[in-house]
PDB file of N, CA and C in Angstrom:
ATOM      1  N   UNK A   1       0.923  -1.191  -0.134  1.00  0.00           N
ATOM      2  CA  UNK A   1       0.000   0.043   0.020  1.00  0.00           C
ATOM      3  C   UNK A   1       0.753   1.305  -0.025  1.00  0.00           C
ATOM      4  N   UNK A   2       1.937   1.231   0.767  1.00  0.00           N
ATOM      5  CA  UNK A   2       2.918   2.362   0.807  1.00  0.00           C
ATOM      6  C   UNK A   2       3.394   2.767  -0.527  1.00  0.00           C
ATOM      7  N   UNK A   3       3.892   1.484  -1.254  1.00  0.00           N
ATOM      8  CA  UNK A   3       4.454   1.824  -2.464  1.00  0.00           C
ATOM      9  C   UNK A   3       3.455   2.474  -3.550  1.00  0.00           C
ATOM     10  N   UNK A   4       2.286   2.156  -3.566  1.00  0.00           N
ATOM     11  CA  UNK A   4       1.267   2.741  -4.454  1.00  0.00           C
ATOM     12  C   UNK A   4       1.107   4.198  -4.075  1.00  0.00           C
ATOM     13  N   UNK A   5       1.154   4.438  -2.801  1.00  0.00           N
ATOM     14  CA  UNK A   5       0.927   5.965  -2.341  1.00  0.00           C
ATOM     15  C   UNK A   5       2.169   6.821  -2.654  1.00  0.00           C
ATOM     16  N   UNK A   6       3.375   6.152  -2.500  1.00  0.00           N
ATOM     17  CA  UNK A   6       4.568   6.774  -3.076  1.00  0.00           C
ATOM     18  C   UNK A   6       4.543   7.011  -4.601  1.00  0.00           C
ATOM     19  N   UNK A   7       4.254   6.017  -5.159  1.00  0.00           N
ATOM     20  CA  UNK A   7       4.199   6.165  -6.684  1.00  0.00           C
ATOM     21  C   UNK A   7       3.229   7.227  -7.135  1.00  0.00           C
ATOM     22  N   UNK A   8       2.133   7.286  -6.582  1.00  0.00           N
ATOM     23  CA  UNK A   8       1.120   8.317  -6.854  1.00  0.00           C
ATOM     24  C   UNK A   8       1.456   9.734  -6.402  1.00  0.00           C
ATOM     25  N   UNK A   9       2.230   9.915  -5.409  1.00  0.00           N
ATOM     26  CA  UNK A   9       2.773  11.240  -4.933  1.00  0.00           C
ATOM     27  C   UNK A   9       3.859  11.537  -6.034  1.00  0.00           C
ATOM     28  N   UNK A  10       4.550  10.717  -6.572  1.00  0.00           N
ATOM     29  CA  UNK A  10       5.719  10.979  -7.505  1.00  0.00           C
ATOM     30  C   UNK A  10       5.087  11.398  -8.848  1.00  0.00           C
ATOM     31  N   UNK A  11       4.056  10.721  -9.154  1.00  0.00           N
ATOM     32  CA  UNK A  11       3.338  11.135 -10.407  1.00  0.00           C
ATOM     33  C   UNK A  11       2.810  12.541 -10.371  1.00  0.00           C
ATOM     34  N   UNK A  12       2.146  12.864  -9.311  1.00  0.00           N
ATOM     35  CA  UNK A  12       1.501  14.104  -9.097  1.00  0.00           C
ATOM     36  C   UNK A  12       2.531  15.205  -9.200  1.00  0.00           C
ATOM     37  N   UNK A  13       3.775  14.916  -8.435  1.00  0.00           N
ATOM     38  CA  UNK A  13       4.831  15.968  -8.400  1.00  0.00           C
ATOM     39  C   UNK A  13       5.501  16.310  -9.714  1.00  0.00           C
ATOM     40  N   UNK A  14       5.662  15.150 -10.539  1.00  0.00           N
ATOM     41  CA  UNK A  14       6.181  15.217 -11.727  1.00  0.00           C
ATOM     42  C   UNK A  14       5.324  16.104 -12.797  1.00  0.00           C
ATOM     43  N   UNK A  15       3.957  15.795 -12.553  1.00  0.00           N
ATOM     44  CA  UNK A  15       2.941  16.458 -13.277  1.00  0.00           C
ATOM     45  C   UNK A  15       3.066  17.991 -13.135  1.00  0.00           C
ATOM     46  N   UNK A  16       3.484  18.447 -11.917  1.00  0.00           N
ATOM     47  CA  UNK A  16       3.533  19.804 -11.635  1.00  0.00           C
ATOM     48  C   UNK A  16       4.724  20.263 -11.810  1.00  0.00           C
ATOM     49  N   UNK A  17       5.789  19.731 -12.316  1.00  0.00           N
ATOM     50  CA  UNK A  17       7.090  20.184 -12.877  1.00  0.00           C
ATOM     51  C   UNK A  17       8.148  20.005 -11.938  1.00  0.00           C
ATOM     52  N   UNK A  18       8.074  19.116 -10.890  1.00  0.00           N
ATOM     53  CA  UNK A  18       9.100  18.747 -10.028  1.00  0.00           C
ATOM     54  C   UNK A  18       9.996  17.801 -10.575  1.00  0.00           C
ATOM     55  N   UNK A  19      11.159  17.685 -10.006  1.00  0.00           N
ATOM     56  CA  UNK A  19      12.037  16.471 -10.260  1.00  0.00           C
ATOM     57  C   UNK A  19      12.487  15.639  -9.134  1.00  0.00           C
ATOM     58  N   UNK A  20      12.848  14.467  -9.553  1.00  0.00           N
ATOM     59  CA  UNK A  20      13.519  13.613  -8.477  1.00  0.00           C
ATOM     60  C   UNK A  20      14.901  13.140  -8.787  1.00  0.00           C
ATOM     61  N   UNK A  21      15.859  13.222  -7.773  1.00  0.00           N
ATOM     62  CA  UNK A  21      17.114  12.585  -8.101  1.00  0.00           C
ATOM     63  C   UNK A  21      17.482  11.442  -7.052  1.00  0.00           C
ATOM     64  N   UNK A  22      18.310  10.606  -7.479  1.00  0.00           N
ATOM     65  CA  UNK A  22      18.704   9.551  -6.460  1.00  0.00           C
ATOM     66  C   UNK A  22      20.015   9.815  -5.911  1.00  0.00           C
ATOM     67  N   UNK A  23      20.331   9.444  -4.822  1.00  0.00           N
ATOM     68  CA  UNK A  23      21.447   9.699  -4.020  1.00  0.00           C
ATOM     69  C   UNK A  23      22.549   8.679  -4.132  1.00  0.00           C
ATOM     70  N   UNK A  24      22.317   7.685  -4.905  1.00  0.00           N
ATOM     71  CA  UNK A  24      23.339   6.511  -5.015  1.00  0.00           C
ATOM     72  C   UNK A  24      23.108   5.430  -4.029  1.00  0.00           C
ATOM     73  N   UNK A  25      22.362   5.674  -2.962  1.00  0.00           N
ATOM     74  CA  UNK A  25      22.174   4.704  -1.914  1.00  0.00           C
ATOM     75  C   UNK A  25      20.840   4.199  -1.896  1.00  0.00           C
ATOM     76  N   UNK A  26      20.041   4.391  -2.971  1.00  0.00           N
ATOM     77  CA  UNK A  26      18.597   3.708  -2.903  1.00  0.00           C
ATOM     78  C   UNK A  26      17.677   4.820  -2.602  1.00  0.00           C
ATOM     79  N   UNK A  27      18.131   5.915  -2.058  1.00  0.00           N
ATOM     80  CA  UNK A  27      17.165   6.984  -1.634  1.00  0.00           C
ATOM     81  C   UNK A  27      17.079   8.098  -2.757  1.00  0.00           C
ATOM     82  N   UNK A  28      16.166   8.981  -2.583  1.00  0.00           N
ATOM     83  CA  UNK A  28      15.816  10.032  -3.543  1.00  0.00           C
ATOM     84  C   UNK A  28      15.592  11.237  -2.961  1.00  0.00           C
ATOM     85  N   UNK A  29      15.656  12.302  -3.704  1.00  0.00           N
ATOM     86  CA  UNK A  29      15.481  13.723  -3.080  1.00  0.00           C
ATOM     87  C   UNK A  29      14.394  14.343  -3.937  1.00  0.00           C
ATOM     88  N   UNK A  30      13.572  15.265  -3.418  1.00  0.00           N
ATOM     89  CA  UNK A  30      12.516  15.958  -4.182  1.00  0.00           C
ATOM     90  C   UNK A  30      13.052  17.485  -4.565  1.00  0.00           C
ATOM     91  N   UNK A  31      12.948  17.866  -5.674  1.00  0.00           N
ATOM     92  CA  UNK A  31      13.376  19.208  -6.142  1.00  0.00           C
ATOM     93  C   UNK A  31      12.122  19.857  -6.659  1.00  0.00           C
ATOM     94  N   UNK A  32      11.533  20.959  -5.818  1.00  0.00           N
ATOM     95  CA  UNK A  32      10.366  21.625  -6.509  1.00  0.00           C
ATOM     96  C   UNK A  32      10.892  22.400  -7.838  1.00  0.00           C
ATOM     97  N   UNK A  33       9.875  22.674  -8.611  1.00  0.00           N
ATOM     98  CA  UNK A  33      10.086  23.413  -9.839  1.00  0.00           C
ATOM     99  C   UNK A  33      10.583  24.853  -9.551  1.00  0.00           C
ATOM    100  N   UNK A  34      11.443  25.393 -10.434  1.00  0.00           N
ATOM    101  CA  UNK A  34      12.045  26.797 -10.061  1.00  0.00           C
ATOM    102  C   UNK A  34      10.930  27.865 -10.150  1.00  0.00           C
ATOM    103  N   UNK A  35      11.219  28.948  -9.367  1.00  0.00           N
ATOM    104  CA  UNK A  35      10.141  29.987  -9.343  1.00  0.00           C
ATOM    105  C   UNK A  35      10.819  31.317  -9.890  1.00  0.00           C
ATOM    106  N   UNK A  36      10.607  31.739 -11.106  1.00  0.00           N
ATOM    107  CA  UNK A  36      11.287  32.807 -11.675  1.00  0.00           C
ATOM    108  C   UNK A  36      10.748  34.194 -10.925  1.00  0.00           C
ATOM    109  N   UNK A  37      11.534  35.189 -10.860  1.00  0.00           N
ATOM    110  CA  UNK A  37      11.128  36.457 -10.431  1.00  0.00           C
ATOM    111  C   UNK A  37      10.037  36.992 -11.367  1.00  0.00           C
ATOM    112  N   UNK A  38       8.826  37.318 -10.797  1.00  0.00           N
ATOM    113  CA  UNK A  38       7.736  37.872 -11.616  1.00  0.00           C
ATOM    114  C   UNK A  38       8.194  39.178 -12.343  1.00  0.00           C
ATOM    115  N   UNK A  39       7.806  39.230 -13.592  1.00  0.00           N
ATOM    116  CA  UNK A  39       8.223  40.325 -14.356  1.00  0.00           C
ATOM    117  C   UNK A  39       7.431  41.630 -14.043  1.00  0.00           C
ATOM    118  N   UNK A  40       6.482  41.527 -12.988  1.00  0.00           N
ATOM    119  CA  UNK A  40       5.806  42.603 -12.632  1.00  0.00           C
ATOM    120  C   UNK A  40       6.381  43.298 -11.402  1.00  0.00           C
ATOM    121  N   UNK A  41       7.549  42.808 -10.908  1.00  0.00           N
ATOM    122  CA  UNK A  41       8.431  43.474 -10.029  1.00  0.00           C
ATOM    123  C   UNK A  41       9.641  43.613 -10.224  1.00  0.00           C
ATOM    124  N   UNK A  42      10.409  44.465  -9.626  1.00  0.00           N
ATOM    125  CA  UNK A  42      11.848  44.818  -9.871  1.00  0.00           C
ATOM    126  C   UNK A  42      12.618  45.071  -8.669  1.00  0.00           C
ATOM    127  N   UNK A  43      13.859  45.176  -8.840  1.00  0.00           N
ATOM    128  CA  UNK A  43      14.941  45.416  -7.821  1.00  0.00           C
ATOM    129  C   UNK A  43      15.629  46.783  -8.020  1.00  0.00           C
ATOM    130  N   UNK A  44      16.191  47.543  -7.139  1.00  0.00           N
ATOM    131  CA  UNK A  44      16.841  48.778  -7.263  1.00  0.00           C
ATOM    132  C   UNK A  44      17.945  48.653  -6.212  1.00  0.00           C
ATOM    133  N   UNK A  45      19.170  49.019  -6.899  1.00  0.00           N
ATOM    134  CA  UNK A  45      20.514  48.931  -5.928  1.00  0.00           C
ATOM    135  C   UNK A  45      21.419  50.026  -6.451  1.00  0.00           C
ATOM    136  N   UNK A  46      22.316  50.453  -5.639  1.00  0.00           N
ATOM    137  CA  UNK A  46      23.314  51.411  -6.093  1.00  0.00           C
ATOM    138  C   UNK A  46      24.215  51.777  -4.986  1.00  0.00           C
ATOM    139  N   UNK A  47      24.913  52.943  -5.269  1.00  0.00           N
ATOM    140  CA  UNK A  47      25.975  53.419  -4.249  1.00  0.00           C
ATOM    141  C   UNK A  47      25.895  55.032  -4.299  1.00  0.00           C
ATOM    142  N   UNK A  48      25.940  55.497  -3.029  1.00  0.00           N
ATOM    143  CA  UNK A  48      25.917  56.965  -3.004  1.00  0.00           C
ATOM    144  C   UNK A  48      27.392  57.530  -2.556  1.00  0.00           C
ATOM    145  N   UNK A  49      27.968  58.434  -3.172  1.00  0.00           N
ATOM    146  CA  UNK A  49      29.218  58.847  -2.869  1.00  0.00           C
ATOM    147  C   UNK A  49      29.327  60.349  -2.682  1.00  0.00           C
ATOM    148  N   UNK A  50      30.259  60.791  -2.025  1.00  0.00           N
ATOM    149  CA  UNK A  50      30.637  62.292  -1.717  1.00  0.00           C
ATOM    150  C   UNK A  50      30.980  62.873  -3.177  1.00  0.00           C
ATOM    151  N   UNK A  51      30.355  63.903  -3.508  1.00  0.00           N
ATOM    152  CA  UNK A  51      30.693  64.426  -4.907  1.00  0.00           C
ATOM    153  C   UNK A  51      32.117  65.128  -5.097  1.00  0.00           C
ATOM    154  N   UNK A  52      32.670  65.568  -3.803  1.00  0.00           N
ATOM    155  CA  UNK A  52      34.007  65.974  -3.847  1.00  0.00           C
ATOM    156  C   UNK A  52      35.078  64.963  -3.681  1.00  0.00           C
ATOM    157  N   UNK A  53      34.914  64.092  -2.706  1.00  0.00           N
ATOM    158  CA  UNK A  53      36.051  63.224  -2.385  1.00  0.00           C
ATOM    159  C   UNK A  53      35.724  61.752  -3.311  1.00  0.00           C
ATOM    160  N   UNK A  54      34.567  61.419  -3.569  1.00  0.00           N
ATOM    161  CA  UNK A  54      34.358  60.148  -4.323  1.00  0.00           C
ATOM    162  C   UNK A  54      34.133  58.946  -3.147  1.00  0.00           C
ATOM    163  N   UNK A  55      34.187  59.271  -1.891  1.00  0.00           N
ATOM    164  CA  UNK A  55      34.182  58.361  -0.881  1.00  0.00           C
ATOM    165  C   UNK A  55      32.572  57.952  -0.658  1.00  0.00           C
ATOM    166  N   UNK A  56      32.392  56.800  -0.166  1.00  0.00           N
ATOM    167  CA  UNK A  56      31.029  56.219   0.041  1.00  0.00           C
ATOM    168  C   UNK A  56      30.411  57.116   1.187  1.00  0.00           C
ATOM    169  N   UNK A  57      29.217  57.438   1.264  1.00  0.00           N
ATOM    170  CA  UNK A  57      28.436  58.132   2.191  1.00  0.00           C
ATOM    171  C   UNK A  57      27.411  57.283   2.888  1.00  0.00           C
ATOM    172  N   UNK A  58      27.720  56.948   4.170  1.00  0.00           N
ATOM    173  CA  UNK A  58      27.061  56.129   5.127  1.00  0.00           C
ATOM    174  C   UNK A  58      25.764  56.906   5.639  1.00  0.00           C
ATOM    175  N   UNK A  59      24.643  56.212   5.932  1.00  0.00           N
ATOM    176  CA  UNK A  59      23.599  56.891   6.653  1.00  0.00           C
ATOM    177  C   UNK A  59      22.598  57.696   5.770  1.00  0.00           C
ATOM    178  N   UNK A  60      22.687  57.805   4.305  1.00  0.00           N
ATOM    179  CA  UNK A  60      21.780  58.427   3.603  1.00  0.00           C
ATOM    180  C   UNK A  60      20.430  57.813   3.490  1.00  0.00           C
ATOM    181  N   UNK A  61      19.383  58.589   3.751  1.00  0.00           N
ATOM    182  CA  UNK A  61      18.147  58.060   3.492  1.00  0.00           C
ATOM    183  C   UNK A  61      17.639  58.093   2.057  1.00  0.00           C
ATOM    184  N   UNK A  62      17.533  56.805   1.566  1.00  0.00           N
ATOM    185  CA  UNK A  62      17.022  56.824   0.037  1.00  0.00           C
ATOM    186  C   UNK A  62      15.510  56.448   0.138  1.00  0.00           C
ATOM    187  N   UNK A  63      14.668  57.042  -0.690  1.00  0.00           N
ATOM    188  CA  UNK A  63      13.220  56.858  -0.749  1.00  0.00           C
ATOM    189  C   UNK A  63      12.827  56.670  -2.236  1.00  0.00           C
ATOM    190  N   UNK A  64      11.968  55.780  -2.309  1.00  0.00           N
ATOM    191  CA  UNK A  64      11.406  55.656  -3.742  1.00  0.00           C
ATOM    192  C   UNK A  64      10.109  54.772  -3.592  1.00  0.00           C
ATOM    193  N   UNK A  65       8.934  55.242  -4.321  1.00  0.00           N
ATOM    194  CA  UNK A  65       7.846  54.439  -4.283  1.00  0.00           C
ATOM    195  C   UNK A  65       7.365  54.261  -2.994  1.00  0.00           C
ATOM    196  N   UNK A  66       7.399  55.187  -1.927  1.00  0.00           N
ATOM    197  CA  UNK A  66       6.930  54.904  -0.486  1.00  0.00           C
ATOM    198  C   UNK A  66       7.661  54.085   0.289  1.00  0.00           C
ATOM    199  N   UNK A  67       8.850  53.527  -0.138  1.00  0.00           N
ATOM    200  CA  UNK A  67       9.760  52.736   0.625  1.00  0.00           C
ATOM    201  C   UNK A  67      11.040  53.585   0.993  1.00  0.00           C
ATOM    202  N   UNK A  68      11.639  53.121   2.109  1.00  0.00           N
ATOM    203  CA  UNK A  68      12.874  53.908   2.507  1.00  0.00           C
ATOM    204  C   UNK A  68      14.007  52.818   2.860  1.00  0.00           C
ATOM    205  N   UNK A  69      15.231  53.304   2.487  1.00  0.00           N
ATOM    206  CA  UNK A  69      16.498  52.472   2.827  1.00  0.00           C
ATOM    207  C   UNK A  69      17.389  53.504   3.410  1.00  0.00           C
ATOM    208  N   UNK A  70      18.427  52.980   4.090  1.00  0.00           N
ATOM    209  CA  UNK A  70      19.494  53.765   4.702  1.00  0.00           C
ATOM    210  C   UNK A  70      20.923  53.093   3.992  1.00  0.00           C
ATOM    211  N   UNK A  71      21.765  53.935   3.469  1.00  0.00           N
ATOM    212  CA  UNK A  71      22.939  53.358   2.945  1.00  0.00           C
ATOM    213  C   UNK A  71      23.902  52.735   4.027  1.00  0.00           C
ATOM    214  N   UNK A  72      24.620  51.812   3.715  1.00  0.00           N
ATOM    215  CA  UNK A  72      25.445  51.177   4.721  1.00  0.00           C
ATOM    216  C   UNK A  72      26.818  51.869   4.546  1.00  0.00           C
ATOM    217  N   UNK A  73      27.835  51.173   5.322  1.00  0.00           N
ATOM    218  CA  UNK A  73      29.222  51.897   5.419  1.00  0.00           C
ATOM    219  C   UNK A  73      29.767  51.940   4.118  1.00  0.00           C
ATOM    220  N   UNK A  74      29.400  51.212   3.206  1.00  0.00           N
ATOM    221  CA  UNK A  74      30.063  51.349   1.811  1.00  0.00           C
ATOM    222  C   UNK A  74      29.213  52.181   0.772  1.00  0.00           C
ATOM    223  N   UNK A  75      28.145  52.859   1.337  1.00  0.00           N
ATOM    224  CA  UNK A  75      27.329  53.811   0.745  1.00  0.00           C
ATOM    225  C   UNK A  75      26.273  53.082  -0.209  1.00  0.00           C
ATOM    226  N   UNK A  76      26.066  51.814   0.025  1.00  0.00           N
ATOM    227  CA  UNK A  76      25.251  51.006  -0.826  1.00  0.00           C
ATOM    228  C   UNK A  76      23.799  50.859  -0.333  1.00  0.00           C
ATOM    229  N   UNK A  77      22.725  50.775  -1.176  1.00  0.00           N
ATOM    230  CA  UNK A  77      21.355  50.698  -0.848  1.00  0.00           C
ATOM    231  C   UNK A  77      20.808  49.522  -1.617  1.00  0.00           C
ATOM    232  N   UNK A  78      19.519  49.098  -1.308  1.00  0.00           N
ATOM    233  CA  UNK A  78      18.982  48.051  -1.930  1.00  0.00           C
ATOM    234  C   UNK A  78      17.367  48.076  -1.768  1.00  0.00           C
ATOM    235  N   UNK A  79      16.621  47.903  -2.646  1.00  0.00           N
ATOM    236  CA  UNK A  79      15.246  47.908  -2.644  1.00  0.00           C
ATOM    237  C   UNK A  79      14.780  46.606  -3.448  1.00  0.00           C
ATOM    238  N   UNK A  80      13.623  45.916  -2.878  1.00  0.00           N
ATOM    239  CA  UNK A  80      13.238  44.744  -3.808  1.00  0.00           C
ATOM    240  C   UNK A  80      11.631  44.981  -3.745  1.00  0.00           C
ATOM    241  N   UNK A  81      10.956  44.271  -4.643  1.00  0.00           N
ATOM    242  CA  UNK A  81       9.570  44.414  -4.888  1.00  0.00           C
ATOM    243  C   UNK A  81       8.934  45.713  -5.399  1.00  0.00           C
ATOM    244  N   UNK A  82       9.584  46.287  -6.034  1.00  0.00           N
ATOM    245  CA  UNK A  82       9.073  47.704  -6.647  1.00  0.00           C
ATOM    246  C   UNK A  82       8.366  47.453  -7.982  1.00  0.00           C
ATOM    247  N   UNK A  83       7.477  48.488  -8.206  1.00  0.00           N
ATOM    248  CA  UNK A  83       6.791  48.451  -9.535  1.00  0.00           C
ATOM    249  C   UNK A  83       7.710  48.993 -10.566  1.00  0.00           C
ATOM    250  N   UNK A  84       7.752  48.271 -11.632  1.00  0.00           N
ATOM    251  CA  UNK A  84       8.510  48.737 -12.883  1.00  0.00           C
ATOM    252  C   UNK A  84       7.821  49.927 -13.413  1.00  0.00           C
ATOM    253  N   UNK A  85       8.442  51.256 -13.353  1.00  0.00           N
ATOM    254  CA  UNK A  85       7.822  52.412 -13.921  1.00  0.00           C
ATOM    255  C   UNK A  85       8.713  53.498 -13.793  1.00  0.00           C
ATOM    256  N   UNK A  86       8.311  54.723 -14.151  1.00  0.00           N
ATOM    257  CA  UNK A  86       9.184  56.001 -13.939  1.00  0.00           C
ATOM    258  C   UNK A  86       8.866  56.337 -12.539  1.00  0.00           C
ATOM    259  N   UNK A  87       9.879  56.721 -11.875  1.00  0.00           N
ATOM    260  CA  UNK A  87       9.811  57.259 -10.499  1.00  0.00           C
ATOM    261  C   UNK A  87      11.036  58.165 -10.168  1.00  0.00           C
ATOM    262  N   UNK A  88      10.836  58.830  -9.020  1.00  0.00           N
ATOM    263  CA  UNK A  88      11.940  59.628  -8.586  1.00  0.00           C
ATOM    264  C   UNK A  88      12.522  58.997  -7.282  1.00  0.00           C
ATOM    265  N   UNK A  89      13.955  58.973  -7.389  1.00  0.00           N
ATOM    266  CA  UNK A  89      14.752  58.232  -6.293  1.00  0.00           C
ATOM    267  C   UNK A  89      15.277  59.529  -5.499  1.00  0.00           C
ATOM    268  N   UNK A  90      15.018  59.567  -4.191  1.00  0.00           N
ATOM    269  CA  UNK A  90      15.428  60.711  -3.376  1.00  0.00           C
ATOM    270  C   UNK A  90      16.492  60.248  -2.214  1.00  0.00           C
ATOM    271  N   UNK A  91      17.531  61.059  -2.254  1.00  0.00           N
ATOM    272  CA  UNK A  91      18.519  60.918  -1.197  1.00  0.00           C
ATOM    273  C   UNK A  91      18.654  62.150  -0.233  1.00  0.00           C
ATOM    274  N   UNK A  92      18.514  61.872   0.997  1.00  0.00           N
ATOM    275  CA  UNK A  92      18.738  62.937   1.892  1.00  0.00           C
ATOM    276  C   UNK A  92      19.696  62.578   3.191  1.00  0.00           C
ATOM    277  N   UNK A  93      20.701  63.435   3.485  1.00  0.00           N
ATOM    278  CA  UNK A  93      21.405  63.261   4.742  1.00  0.00           C
ATOM    279  C   UNK A  93      21.945  64.563   5.272  1.00  0.00           C
ATOM    280  N   UNK A  94      21.910  64.679   6.461  1.00  0.00           N
ATOM    281  CA  UNK A  94      22.367  65.930   7.080  1.00  0.00           C
ATOM    282  C   UNK A  94      23.683  66.340   6.715  1.00  0.00           C
ATOM    283  N   UNK A  95      23.898  67.576   6.295  1.00  0.00           N
ATOM    284  CA  UNK A  95      25.287  68.059   5.913  1.00  0.00           C
ATOM    285  C   UNK A  95      25.292  68.087   4.305  1.00  0.00           C
ATOM    286  N   UNK A  96      24.325  67.530   3.681  1.00  0.00           N
ATOM    287  CA  UNK A  96      24.354  67.399   2.287  1.00  0.00           C
ATOM    288  C   UNK A  96      23.074  67.939   1.642  1.00  0.00           C
ATOM    289  N   UNK A  97      23.106  68.287   0.253  1.00  0.00           N
ATOM    290  CA  UNK A  97      21.793  68.825  -0.406  1.00  0.00           C
ATOM    291  C   UNK A  97      21.095  67.513  -0.624  1.00  0.00           C
ATOM    292  N   UNK A  98      19.718  67.797  -0.669  1.00  0.00           N
ATOM    293  CA  UNK A  98      18.817  66.559  -1.152  1.00  0.00           C
ATOM    294  C   UNK A  98      19.014  66.413  -2.560  1.00  0.00           C
ATOM    295  N   UNK A  99      19.133  65.266  -3.002  1.00  0.00           N
ATOM    296  CA  UNK A  99      19.302  64.911  -4.410  1.00  0.00           C
ATOM    297  C   UNK A  99      18.074  63.887  -4.796  1.00  0.00           C
ATOM    298  N   UNK A 100      17.483  64.574  -5.961  1.00  0.00           N
ATOM    299  CA  UNK A 100      16.522  63.822  -6.579  1.00  0.00           C
ATOM    300  C   UNK A 100      16.807  63.398  -8.053  1.00  0.00           C
ATOM    301  N   UNK A 101      16.604  62.027  -8.163  1.00  0.00           N
ATOM    302  CA  UNK A 101      17.100  61.497  -9.551  1.00  0.00           C
ATOM    303  C   UNK A 101      15.943  60.649 -10.125  1.00  0.00           C
ATOM    304  N   UNK A 102      15.435  61.351 -11.243  1.00  0.00           N
ATOM    305  CA  UNK A 102      14.315  60.580 -11.957  1.00  0.00           C
ATOM    306  C   UNK A 102      15.003  59.315 -12.578  1.00  0.00           C
ATOM    307  N   UNK A 103      14.269  58.124 -12.428  1.00  0.00           N
ATOM    308  CA  UNK A 103      14.766  56.891 -12.901  1.00  0.00           C
ATOM    309  C   UNK A 103      13.589  56.067 -13.670  1.00  0.00           C
ATOM    310  N   UNK A 104      13.827  55.319 -14.481  1.00  0.00           N
ATOM    311  CA  UNK A 104      12.955  54.330 -15.025  1.00  0.00           C
ATOM    312  C   UNK A 104      13.330  53.008 -14.567  1.00  0.00           C
ATOM    313  N   UNK A 105      12.422  52.285 -13.869  1.00  0.00           N
ATOM    314  CA  UNK A 105      12.780  50.865 -13.352  1.00  0.00           C
ATOM    315  C   UNK A 105      12.332  49.845 -14.402  1.00  0.00           C
ATOM    316  N   UNK A 106      13.111  48.997 -14.848  1.00  0.00           N
ATOM    317  CA  UNK A 106      12.867  48.071 -15.743  1.00  0.00           C
ATOM    318  C   UNK A 106      12.259  46.768 -15.073  1.00  0.00           C
ATOM    319  N   UNK A 107      11.337  46.076 -15.639  1.00  0.00           N
ATOM    320  CA  UNK A 107      10.684  44.806 -15.041  1.00  0.00           C
ATOM    321  C   UNK A 107      11.708  43.619 -14.990  1.00  0.00           C
ATOM    322  N   UNK A 108      11.548  42.897 -13.826  1.00  0.00           N
ATOM    323  CA  UNK A 108      12.394  41.690 -13.833  1.00  0.00           C
ATOM    324  C   UNK A 108      13.647  41.588 -13.731  1.00  0.00           C
ATOM    325  N   UNK A 109      14.409  42.843 -13.539  1.00  0.00           N
ATOM    326  CA  UNK A 109      15.823  42.905 -13.452  1.00  0.00           C
ATOM    327  C   UNK A 109      16.261  43.664 -12.147  1.00  0.00           C
ATOM    328  N   UNK A 110      17.653  43.770 -11.883  1.00  0.00           N
ATOM    329  CA  UNK A 110      18.065  44.532 -10.763  1.00  0.00           C
ATOM    330  C   UNK A 110      18.457  45.850 -11.474  1.00  0.00           C
ATOM    331  N   UNK A 111      17.892  47.126 -11.276  1.00  0.00           N
ATOM    332  CA  UNK A 111      18.250  48.291 -11.686  1.00  0.00           C
ATOM    333  C   UNK A 111      19.358  49.051 -10.900  1.00  0.00           C
ATOM    334  N   UNK A 112      20.300  49.497 -11.474  1.00  0.00           N
ATOM    335  CA  UNK A 112      21.480  50.003 -10.708  1.00  0.00           C
ATOM    336  C   UNK A 112      21.622  51.369 -10.931  1.00  0.00           C
ATOM    337  N   UNK A 113      21.566  52.290  -9.994  1.00  0.00           N
ATOM    338  CA  UNK A 113      21.884  53.654 -10.016  1.00  0.00           C
ATOM    339  C   UNK A 113      22.785  54.168  -8.853  1.00  0.00           C
ATOM    340  N   UNK A 114      23.885  54.619  -9.382  1.00  0.00           N
ATOM    341  CA  UNK A 114      24.953  55.302  -8.473  1.00  0.00           C
ATOM    342  C   UNK A 114      24.773  56.794  -8.649  1.00  0.00           C
ATOM    343  N   UNK A 115      25.002  57.573  -7.470  1.00  0.00           N
ATOM    344  CA  UNK A 115      25.027  58.981  -7.731  1.00  0.00           C
ATOM    345  C   UNK A 115      25.675  59.766  -6.530  1.00  0.00           C
ATOM    346  N   UNK A 116      26.362  60.967  -6.895  1.00  0.00           N
ATOM    347  CA  UNK A 116      27.122  61.672  -5.854  1.00  0.00           C
ATOM    348  C   UNK A 116      26.151  62.682  -5.165  1.00  0.00           C
ATOM    349  N   UNK A 117      26.557  62.886  -3.859  1.00  0.00           N
ATOM    350  CA  UNK A 117      25.732  63.845  -2.921  1.00  0.00           C
ATOM    351  C   UNK A 117      26.850  65.088  -2.785  1.00  0.00           C
ATOM    352  N   UNK A 118      26.253  66.269  -2.877  1.00  0.00           N
ATOM    353  CA  UNK A 118      26.956  67.594  -2.755  1.00  0.00           C
ATOM    354  C   UNK A 118      26.792  68.131  -1.389  1.00  0.00           C
ATOM    355  N   UNK A 119      27.972  68.523  -0.691  1.00  0.00           N
ATOM    356  CA  UNK A 119      27.822  69.067   0.662  1.00  0.00           C
ATOM    357  C   UNK A 119      27.103  70.426   0.565  1.00  0.00           C
ATOM    358  N   UNK A 120      26.644  70.772   1.646  1.00  0.00           N
ATOM    359  CA  UNK A 120      26.051  72.104   1.764  1.00  0.00           C
ATOM    360  C   UNK A 120      27.061  73.269   1.844  1.00  0.00           C
TER     361      UNK A 120
END
């Protein structure tokens, strides 16, 4: 009875796109079908530097589409789950001028935008 149940589960899983592999010892492992990144969302990443020195700027508040992130010690920021469309990327930090960068986010890819901040 157990063999029939196992066989039925394997047939259903294969029908849904899964694969099975053997480990050489008589056992097998289940691999679910891959899930691609939906083309209706996108990622955004980049680096903020000081316009004069070119060094990374930590602690910059980056906002886009109602989400906010803060740059790390390397001046890097990251967003995921954004809508692919035209929008404005805003960067602000004490001691620097607010910087607004119009961008177009492409669907299904990691969009990369680096930009410098000018001191006040």
